[in-house]
PDB file of N, CA and C in Angstrom:
ATOM      1  N   MET A   1       4.094   7.356 -16.923  1.00  0.00           N
ATOM      2  CA  MET A   1       2.978   8.236 -16.677  1.00  0.00           C
ATOM      3  C   MET A   1       3.068   8.808 -15.269  1.00  0.00           C
ATOM      4  N   ILE A   2       2.517   9.982 -15.108  1.00  0.00           N
ATOM      5  CA  ILE A   2       2.482  10.618 -13.800  1.00  0.00           C
ATOM      6  C   ILE A   2       1.111  10.370 -13.168  1.00  0.00           C
ATOM      7  N   TYR A   3       1.121   9.748 -12.001  1.00  0.00           N
ATOM      8  CA  TYR A   3      -0.100   9.474 -11.251  1.00  0.00           C
ATOM      9  C   TYR A   3      -0.134  10.375 -10.017  1.00  0.00           C
ATOM     10  N   THR A   4      -1.324  10.828  -9.663  1.00  0.00           N
ATOM     11  CA  THR A   4      -1.504  11.555  -8.414  1.00  0.00           C
ATOM     12  C   THR A   4      -1.995  10.551  -7.377  1.00  0.00           C
ATOM     13  N   VAL A   5      -1.201  10.397  -6.330  1.00  0.00           N
ATOM     14  CA  VAL A   5      -1.533   9.456  -5.264  1.00  0.00           C
ATOM     15  C   VAL A   5      -1.845  10.255  -4.003  1.00  0.00           C
ATOM     16  N   GLN A   6      -2.994   9.972  -3.416  1.00  0.00           N
ATOM     17  CA  GLN A   6      -3.405  10.615  -2.168  1.00  0.00           C
ATOM     18  C   GLN A   6      -3.215   9.616  -1.031  1.00  0.00           C
ATOM     19  N   ILE A   7      -2.555  10.070   0.028  1.00  0.00           N
ATOM     20  CA  ILE A   7      -2.359   9.237   1.211  1.00  0.00           C
ATOM     21  C   ILE A   7      -3.026   9.947   2.390  1.00  0.00           C
ATOM     22  N   LYS A   8      -3.989   9.275   2.992  1.00  0.00           N
ATOM     23  CA  LYS A   8      -4.659   9.807   4.174  1.00  0.00           C
ATOM     24  C   LYS A   8      -4.080   9.092   5.390  1.00  0.00           C
ATOM     25  N   VAL A   9      -3.499   9.863   6.308  1.00  0.00           N
ATOM     26  CA  VAL A   9      -2.916   9.315   7.535  1.00  0.00           C
ATOM     27  C   VAL A   9      -3.767   9.803   8.697  1.00  0.00           C
ATOM     28  N   MET A  10      -4.272   8.865   9.487  1.00  0.00           N
ATOM     29  CA  MET A  10      -5.156   9.200  10.606  1.00  0.00           C
ATOM     30  C   MET A  10      -4.709   8.472  11.866  1.00  0.00           C
ATOM     31  N   PRO A  11      -5.024   9.045  13.038  1.00  0.00           N
ATOM     32  CA  PRO A  11      -4.717   8.333  14.276  1.00  0.00           C
ATOM     33  C   PRO A  11      -5.553   7.050  14.365  1.00  0.00           C
ATOM     34  N   LEU A  12      -4.981   6.025  14.965  1.00  0.00           N
ATOM     35  CA  LEU A  12      -5.732   4.783  15.162  1.00  0.00           C
ATOM     36  C   LEU A  12      -7.007   5.081  15.936  1.00  0.00           C
ATOM     37  N   LYS A  13      -8.087   4.410  15.567  1.00  0.00           N
ATOM     38  CA  LYS A  13      -9.393   4.680  16.160  1.00  0.00           C
ATOM     39  C   LYS A  13      -9.403   4.439  17.672  1.00  0.00           C
ATOM     40  N   GLU A  14      -8.581   3.491  18.135  1.00  0.00           N
ATOM     41  CA  GLU A  14      -8.601   3.187  19.567  1.00  0.00           C
ATOM     42  C   GLU A  14      -7.753   4.136  20.408  1.00  0.00           C
ATOM     43  N   LEU A  15      -7.034   5.054  19.761  1.00  0.00           N
ATOM     44  CA  LEU A  15      -6.186   5.992  20.496  1.00  0.00           C
ATOM     45  C   LEU A  15      -6.857   7.358  20.643  1.00  0.00           C
ATOM     46  N   LEU A  16      -6.522   8.027  21.727  1.00  0.00           N
ATOM     47  CA  LEU A  16      -6.989   9.392  21.950  1.00  0.00           C
ATOM     48  C   LEU A  16      -6.382  10.305  20.891  1.00  0.00           C
ATOM     49  N   ASP A  17      -7.183  11.242  20.394  1.00  0.00           N
ATOM     50  CA  ASP A  17      -6.717  12.212  19.402  1.00  0.00           C
ATOM     51  C   ASP A  17      -6.762  13.603  20.029  1.00  0.00           C
ATOM     52  N   PRO A  18      -5.648  14.062  20.649  1.00  0.00           N
ATOM     53  CA  PRO A  18      -5.664  15.351  21.328  1.00  0.00           C
ATOM     54  C   PRO A  18      -6.011  16.521  20.410  1.00  0.00           C
ATOM     55  N   GLN A  19      -5.527  16.493  19.173  1.00  0.00           N
ATOM     56  CA  GLN A  19      -5.877  17.574  18.241  1.00  0.00           C
ATOM     57  C   GLN A  19      -7.368  17.561  17.943  1.00  0.00           C
ATOM     58  N   GLY A  20      -7.915  16.390  17.748  1.00  0.00           N
ATOM     59  CA  GLY A  20      -9.347  16.265  17.491  1.00  0.00           C
ATOM     60  C   GLY A  20     -10.166  16.772  18.660  1.00  0.00           C
ATOM     61  N   LYS A  21      -9.726  16.454  19.885  1.00  0.00           N
ATOM     62  CA  LYS A  21     -10.439  16.931  21.081  1.00  0.00           C
ATOM     63  C   LYS A  21     -10.368  18.452  21.182  1.00  0.00           C
ATOM     64  N   ALA A  22      -9.219  19.049  20.844  1.00  0.00           N
ATOM     65  CA  ALA A  22      -9.084  20.512  20.887  1.00  0.00           C
ATOM     66  C   ALA A  22     -10.004  21.164  19.859  1.00  0.00           C
ATOM     67  N   VAL A  23     -10.075  20.596  18.663  1.00  0.00           N
ATOM     68  CA  VAL A  23     -10.969  21.134  17.630  1.00  0.00           C
ATOM     69  C   VAL A  23     -12.416  20.979  18.071  1.00  0.00           C
ATOM     70  N   MET A  24     -12.742  19.829  18.646  1.00  0.00           N
ATOM     71  CA  MET A  24     -14.103  19.587  19.127  1.00  0.00           C
ATOM     72  C   MET A  24     -14.492  20.628  20.180  1.00  0.00           C
ATOM     73  N   SER A  25     -13.587  20.896  21.094  1.00  0.00           N
ATOM     74  CA  SER A  25     -13.842  21.901  22.139  1.00  0.00           C
ATOM     75  C   SER A  25     -14.070  23.286  21.513  1.00  0.00           C
ATOM     76  N   GLY A  26     -13.262  23.637  20.521  1.00  0.00           N
ATOM     77  CA  GLY A  26     -13.417  24.913  19.830  1.00  0.00           C
ATOM     78  C   GLY A  26     -14.753  25.015  19.123  1.00  0.00           C
ATOM     79  N   LEU A  27     -15.182  23.931  18.492  1.00  0.00           N
ATOM     80  CA  LEU A  27     -16.473  23.932  17.803  1.00  0.00           C
ATOM     81  C   LEU A  27     -17.623  24.127  18.791  1.00  0.00           C
ATOM     82  N   VAL A  28     -17.539  23.439  19.931  1.00  0.00           N
ATOM     83  CA  VAL A  28     -18.578  23.592  20.959  1.00  0.00           C
ATOM     84  C   VAL A  28     -18.604  25.031  21.476  1.00  0.00           C
ATOM     85  N   ASN A  29     -17.412  25.606  21.695  1.00  0.00           N
ATOM     86  CA  ASN A  29     -17.333  26.991  22.159  1.00  0.00           C
ATOM     87  C   ASN A  29     -17.927  27.970  21.149  1.00  0.00           C
ATOM     88  N   MET A  30     -17.885  27.609  19.858  1.00  0.00           N
ATOM     89  CA  MET A  30     -18.460  28.455  18.813  1.00  0.00           C
ATOM     90  C   MET A  30     -19.967  28.242  18.670  1.00  0.00           C
ATOM     91  N   GLY A  31     -20.498  27.288  19.415  1.00  0.00           N
ATOM     92  CA  GLY A  31     -21.928  27.021  19.342  1.00  0.00           C
ATOM     93  C   GLY A  31     -22.304  25.940  18.347  1.00  0.00           C
ATOM     94  N   LEU A  32     -21.334  25.265  17.759  1.00  0.00           N
ATOM     95  CA  LEU A  32     -21.615  24.179  16.812  1.00  0.00           C
ATOM     96  C   LEU A  32     -21.716  22.873  17.588  1.00  0.00           C
ATOM     97  N   THR A  33     -22.888  22.638  18.152  1.00  0.00           N
ATOM     98  CA  THR A  33     -23.063  21.506  19.059  1.00  0.00           C
ATOM     99  C   THR A  33     -23.501  20.224  18.364  1.00  0.00           C
ATOM    100  N   GLY A  34     -23.750  20.255  17.074  1.00  0.00           N
ATOM    101  CA  GLY A  34     -24.204  19.063  16.367  1.00  0.00           C
ATOM    102  C   GLY A  34     -23.079  18.113  15.975  1.00  0.00           C
ATOM    103  N   VAL A  35     -21.829  18.516  16.127  1.00  0.00           N
ATOM    104  CA  VAL A  35     -20.695  17.660  15.753  1.00  0.00           C
ATOM    105  C   VAL A  35     -20.485  16.632  16.860  1.00  0.00           C
ATOM    106  N   GLU A  36     -20.460  15.359  16.500  1.00  0.00           N
ATOM    107  CA  GLU A  36     -20.338  14.284  17.477  1.00  0.00           C
ATOM    108  C   GLU A  36     -18.891  13.925  17.815  1.00  0.00           C
ATOM    109  N   ASP A  37     -17.996  14.001  16.833  1.00  0.00           N
ATOM    110  CA  ASP A  37     -16.604  13.616  17.070  1.00  0.00           C
ATOM    111  C   ASP A  37     -15.732  14.270  16.010  1.00  0.00           C
ATOM    112  N   VAL A  38     -14.471  14.487  16.341  1.00  0.00           N
ATOM    113  CA  VAL A  38     -13.503  15.057  15.401  1.00  0.00           C
ATOM    114  C   VAL A  38     -12.221  14.250  15.490  1.00  0.00           C
ATOM    115  N   ARG A  39     -11.681  13.861  14.349  1.00  0.00           N
ATOM    116  CA  ARG A  39     -10.374  13.212  14.265  1.00  0.00           C
ATOM    117  C   ARG A  39      -9.546  14.058  13.305  1.00  0.00           C
ATOM    118  N   VAL A  40      -8.313  14.382  13.681  1.00  0.00           N
ATOM    119  CA  VAL A  40      -7.444  15.206  12.852  1.00  0.00           C
ATOM    120  C   VAL A  40      -6.307  14.341  12.335  1.00  0.00           C
ATOM    121  N   GLY A  41      -6.072  14.416  11.030  1.00  0.00           N
ATOM    122  CA  GLY A  41      -5.004  13.642  10.412  1.00  0.00           C
ATOM    123  C   GLY A  41      -4.281  14.471   9.364  1.00  0.00           C
ATOM    124  N   LYS A  42      -3.638  13.757   8.441  1.00  0.00           N
ATOM    125  CA  LYS A  42      -2.866  14.406   7.376  1.00  0.00           C
ATOM    126  C   LYS A  42      -3.331  13.863   6.033  1.00  0.00           C
ATOM    127  N   ASN A  43      -3.288  14.723   5.032  1.00  0.00           N
ATOM    128  CA  ASN A  43      -3.494  14.296   3.654  1.00  0.00           C
ATOM    129  C   ASN A  43      -2.231  14.647   2.886  1.00  0.00           C
ATOM    130  N   ILE A  44      -1.627  13.644   2.273  1.00  0.00           N
ATOM    131  CA  ILE A  44      -0.375  13.836   1.542  1.00  0.00           C
ATOM    132  C   ILE A  44      -0.628  13.487   0.087  1.00  0.00           C
ATOM    133  N   SER A  45      -0.244  14.389  -0.794  1.00  0.00           N
ATOM    134  CA  SER A  45      -0.424  14.188  -2.231  1.00  0.00           C
ATOM    135  C   SER A  45       0.944  13.999  -2.875  1.00  0.00           C
ATOM    136  N   LEU A  46       1.103  12.891  -3.599  1.00  0.00           N
ATOM    137  CA  LEU A  46       2.354  12.607  -4.301  1.00  0.00           C
ATOM    138  C   LEU A  46       2.105  12.574  -5.801  1.00  0.00           C
ATOM    139  N   GLN A  47       3.019  13.128  -6.557  1.00  0.00           N
ATOM    140  CA  GLN A  47       3.020  12.966  -8.013  1.00  0.00           C
ATOM    141  C   GLN A  47       4.056  11.882  -8.291  1.00  0.00           C
ATOM    142  N   VAL A  48       3.611  10.739  -8.782  1.00  0.00           N
ATOM    143  CA  VAL A  48       4.472   9.572  -8.926  1.00  0.00           C
ATOM    144  C   VAL A  48       4.599   9.199 -10.394  1.00  0.00           C
ATOM    145  N   ASN A  49       5.840   9.040 -10.850  1.00  0.00           N
ATOM    146  CA  ASN A  49       6.106   8.566 -12.201  1.00  0.00           C
ATOM    147  C   ASN A  49       6.199   7.044 -12.132  1.00  0.00           C
ATOM    148  N   ALA A  50       5.203   6.367 -12.714  1.00  0.00           N
ATOM    149  CA  ALA A  50       5.142   4.908 -12.646  1.00  0.00           C
ATOM    150  C   ALA A  50       4.540   4.357 -13.932  1.00  0.00           C
ATOM    151  N   ASP A  51       4.750   3.060 -14.143  1.00  0.00           N
ATOM    152  CA  ASP A  51       4.216   2.407 -15.340  1.00  0.00           C
ATOM    153  C   ASP A  51       2.724   2.092 -15.230  1.00  0.00           C
ATOM    154  N   SER A  52       2.221   1.985 -13.985  1.00  0.00           N
ATOM    155  CA  SER A  52       0.814   1.651 -13.777  1.00  0.00           C
ATOM    156  C   SER A  52       0.340   2.242 -12.452  1.00  0.00           C
ATOM    157  N   ALA A  53      -0.979   2.284 -12.298  1.00  0.00           N
ATOM    158  CA  ALA A  53      -1.557   2.774 -11.041  1.00  0.00           C
ATOM    159  C   ALA A  53      -1.160   1.861  -9.888  1.00  0.00           C
ATOM    160  N   ASP A  54      -1.100   0.553 -10.151  1.00  0.00           N
ATOM    161  CA  ASP A  54      -0.710  -0.383  -9.095  1.00  0.00           C
ATOM    162  C   ASP A  54       0.721  -0.130  -8.634  1.00  0.00           C
ATOM    163  N   GLN A  55       1.619   0.141  -9.567  1.00  0.00           N
ATOM    164  CA  GLN A  55       3.001   0.442  -9.195  1.00  0.00           C
ATOM    165  C   GLN A  55       3.074   1.753  -8.409  1.00  0.00           C
ATOM    166  N   ALA A  56       2.296   2.741  -8.800  1.00  0.00           N
ATOM    167  CA  ALA A  56       2.259   4.015  -8.075  1.00  0.00           C
ATOM    168  C   ALA A  56       1.769   3.803  -6.645  1.00  0.00           C
ATOM    169  N   LYS A  57       0.737   2.959  -6.477  1.00  0.00           N
ATOM    170  CA  LYS A  57       0.220   2.660  -5.143  1.00  0.00           C
ATOM    171  C   LYS A  57       1.271   1.937  -4.298  1.00  0.00           C
ATOM    172  N   LEU A  58       1.998   1.005  -4.906  1.00  0.00           N
ATOM    173  CA  LEU A  58       3.051   0.289  -4.171  1.00  0.00           C
ATOM    174  C   LEU A  58       4.138   1.244  -3.694  1.00  0.00           C
ATOM    175  N   MET A  59       4.503   2.193  -4.536  1.00  0.00           N
ATOM    176  CA  MET A  59       5.512   3.179  -4.150  1.00  0.00           C
ATOM    177  C   MET A  59       4.995   4.026  -2.983  1.00  0.00           C
ATOM    178  N   ALA A  60       3.734   4.426  -3.038  1.00  0.00           N
ATOM    179  CA  ALA A  60       3.138   5.222  -1.970  1.00  0.00           C
ATOM    180  C   ALA A  60       3.030   4.410  -0.682  1.00  0.00           C
ATOM    181  N   GLU A  61       2.730   3.133  -0.806  1.00  0.00           N
ATOM    182  CA  GLU A  61       2.642   2.271   0.375  1.00  0.00           C
ATOM    183  C   GLU A  61       4.006   2.145   1.051  1.00  0.00           C
ATOM    184  N   GLU A  62       5.054   1.985   0.265  1.00  0.00           N
ATOM    185  CA  GLU A  62       6.397   1.898   0.819  1.00  0.00           C
ATOM    186  C   GLU A  62       6.771   3.206   1.530  1.00  0.00           C
ATOM    187  N   ALA A  63       6.473   4.339   0.900  1.00  0.00           N
ATOM    188  CA  ALA A  63       6.757   5.640   1.507  1.00  0.00           C
ATOM    189  C   ALA A  63       5.975   5.802   2.813  1.00  0.00           C
ATOM    190  N   SER A  64       4.738   5.354   2.812  1.00  0.00           N
ATOM    191  CA  SER A  64       3.899   5.475   4.010  1.00  0.00           C
ATOM    192  C   SER A  64       4.436   4.631   5.154  1.00  0.00           C
ATOM    193  N   LYS A  65       4.814   3.394   4.850  1.00  0.00           N
ATOM    194  CA  LYS A  65       5.325   2.494   5.884  1.00  0.00           C
ATOM    195  C   LYS A  65       6.667   2.963   6.441  1.00  0.00           C
ATOM    196  N   LYS A  66       7.515   3.500   5.573  1.00  0.00           N
ATOM    197  CA  LYS A  66       8.868   3.859   5.994  1.00  0.00           C
ATOM    198  C   LYS A  66       8.999   5.272   6.534  1.00  0.00           C
ATOM    199  N   LEU A  67       8.097   6.193   6.139  1.00  0.00           N
ATOM    200  CA  LEU A  67       8.308   7.585   6.491  1.00  0.00           C
ATOM    201  C   LEU A  67       7.054   8.346   6.904  1.00  0.00           C
ATOM    202  N   LEU A  68       5.961   8.182   6.187  1.00  0.00           N
ATOM    203  CA  LEU A  68       4.830   9.097   6.323  1.00  0.00           C
ATOM    204  C   LEU A  68       3.877   8.790   7.479  1.00  0.00           C
ATOM    205  N   ALA A  69       3.812   7.523   7.907  1.00  0.00           N
ATOM    206  CA  ALA A  69       2.895   7.147   8.983  1.00  0.00           C
ATOM    207  C   ALA A  69       3.645   6.383  10.064  1.00  0.00           C
ATOM    208  N   ASN A  70       3.244   6.607  11.299  1.00  0.00           N
ATOM    209  CA  ASN A  70       3.797   5.869  12.434  1.00  0.00           C
ATOM    210  C   ASN A  70       2.827   4.731  12.750  1.00  0.00           C
ATOM    211  N   PRO A  71       3.181   3.470  12.433  1.00  0.00           N
ATOM    212  CA  PRO A  71       2.226   2.371  12.582  1.00  0.00           C
ATOM    213  C   PRO A  71       1.792   2.107  14.024  1.00  0.00           C
ATOM    214  N   VAL A  72       2.532   2.619  14.995  1.00  0.00           N
ATOM    215  CA  VAL A  72       2.149   2.444  16.397  1.00  0.00           C
ATOM    216  C   VAL A  72       0.933   3.318  16.726  1.00  0.00           C
ATOM    217  N   MET A  73       0.842   4.467  16.059  1.00  0.00           N
ATOM    218  CA  MET A  73      -0.209   5.429  16.398  1.00  0.00           C
ATOM    219  C   MET A  73      -1.141   5.784  15.244  1.00  0.00           C
ATOM    220  N   GLU A  74      -0.785   5.417  14.011  1.00  0.00           N
ATOM    221  CA  GLU A  74      -1.550   5.874  12.842  1.00  0.00           C
ATOM    222  C   GLU A  74      -1.794   4.737  11.861  1.00  0.00           C
ATOM    223  N   TYR A  75      -2.831   4.913  11.065  1.00  0.00           N
ATOM    224  CA  TYR A  75      -3.058   4.039   9.914  1.00  0.00           C
ATOM    225  C   TYR A  75      -3.107   4.928   8.675  1.00  0.00           C
ATOM    226  N   PHE A  76      -2.981   4.321   7.499  1.00  0.00           N
ATOM    227  CA  PHE A  76      -3.040   5.109   6.274  1.00  0.00           C
ATOM    228  C   PHE A  76      -3.900   4.412   5.235  1.00  0.00           C
ATOM    229  N   GLU A  77      -4.451   5.242   4.344  1.00  0.00           N
ATOM    230  CA  GLU A  77      -5.239   4.770   3.202  1.00  0.00           C
ATOM    231  C   GLU A  77      -4.694   5.444   1.959  1.00  0.00           C
ATOM    232  N   ILE A  78      -4.621   4.688   0.873  1.00  0.00           N
ATOM    233  CA  ILE A  78      -4.041   5.200  -0.371  1.00  0.00           C
ATOM    234  C   ILE A  78      -5.081   5.147  -1.483  1.00  0.00           C
ATOM    235  N   SER A  79      -5.162   6.231  -2.248  1.00  0.00           N
ATOM    236  CA  SER A  79      -5.980   6.239  -3.460  1.00  0.00           C
ATOM    237  C   SER A  79      -5.136   6.824  -4.587  1.00  0.00           C
ATOM    238  N   CYS A  80      -5.407   6.371  -5.785  1.00  0.00           N
ATOM    239  CA  CYS A  80      -4.608   6.795  -6.937  1.00  0.00           C
ATOM    240  C   CYS A  80      -5.537   7.270  -8.046  1.00  0.00           C
ATOM    241  N   GLU A  81      -5.223   8.451  -8.572  1.00  0.00           N
ATOM    242  CA  GLU A  81      -5.990   8.996  -9.692  1.00  0.00           C
ATOM    243  C   GLU A  81      -5.286   8.632 -10.994  1.00  0.00           C
ATOM    244  N   THR A  82      -6.036   8.040 -11.905  1.00  0.00           N
ATOM    245  CA  THR A  82      -5.473   7.705 -13.207  1.00  0.00           C
ATOM    246  C   THR A  82      -5.339   8.983 -14.020  1.00  0.00           C
ATOM    247  N   PRO A  83      -4.170   9.185 -14.604  1.00  0.00           N
ATOM    248  CA  PRO A  83      -3.971  10.437 -15.363  1.00  0.00           C
ATOM    249  C   PRO A  83      -4.850  10.470 -16.607  1.00  0.00           C
ATOM    250  N   ASN A  84      -5.167  11.680 -17.028  1.00  0.00           N
ATOM    251  CA  ASN A  84      -5.899  11.849 -18.272  1.00  0.00           C
ATOM    252  C   ASN A  84      -4.963  11.579 -19.435  1.00  0.00           C
ATOM    253  N   PRO A  85      -5.430  10.905 -20.472  1.00  0.00           N
ATOM    254  CA  PRO A  85      -4.552  10.683 -21.630  1.00  0.00           C
ATOM    255  C   PRO A  85      -4.257  12.009 -22.324  1.00  0.00           C
ATOM    256  N   PRO A  86      -3.113  12.125 -22.956  1.00  0.00           N
ATOM    257  CA  PRO A  86      -2.787  13.368 -23.648  1.00  0.00           C
ATOM    258  C   PRO A  86      -3.828  13.686 -24.721  1.00  0.00           C
ATOM    259  N   GLN A  87      -4.168  14.955 -24.840  1.00  0.00           N
ATOM    260  CA  GLN A  87      -5.145  15.395 -25.834  1.00  0.00           C
ATOM    261  C   GLN A  87      -4.454  15.575 -27.196  1.00  0.00           C
ATOM    262  N   ALA A  88      -5.122  15.121 -28.224  1.00  0.00           N
ATOM    263  CA  ALA A  88      -4.587  15.307 -29.577  1.00  0.00           C
ATOM    264  C   ALA A  88      -4.765  16.772 -29.979  1.00  0.00           C
ATOM    265  N   GLU A  89      -3.743  17.311 -30.604  1.00  0.00           N
ATOM    266  CA  GLU A  89      -3.827  18.697 -31.044  1.00  0.00           C
ATOM    267  C   GLU A  89      -4.664  18.773 -32.314  1.00  0.00           C
ATOM    268  N   SER A  90      -5.510  19.828 -32.436  1.00  0.00           N
ATOM    269  CA  SER A  90      -6.340  19.961 -33.627  1.00  0.00           C
ATOM    270  C   SER A  90      -5.796  21.007 -34.562  1.00  0.00           C
TER     271      SER A  90
END
């Protein structure tokens, strides 16, 4: 089955986020003063052929650890969408 796996990669909370600060400054300059903080990260979508959602998540976790996220500066979160079953033809 093909699973859609979403990987959210964000800077560690204890680290400065220069992109987030630049966006925050831009928002303030536009007059949007109600925003308290901005963090900028990445969203990566994978289409994974796996036997189960758990296997798809494991594959995404391996990809994240080895390639998609830098553990010194970033953390990641994984979510997996269960595919819709094939529709019967009428």
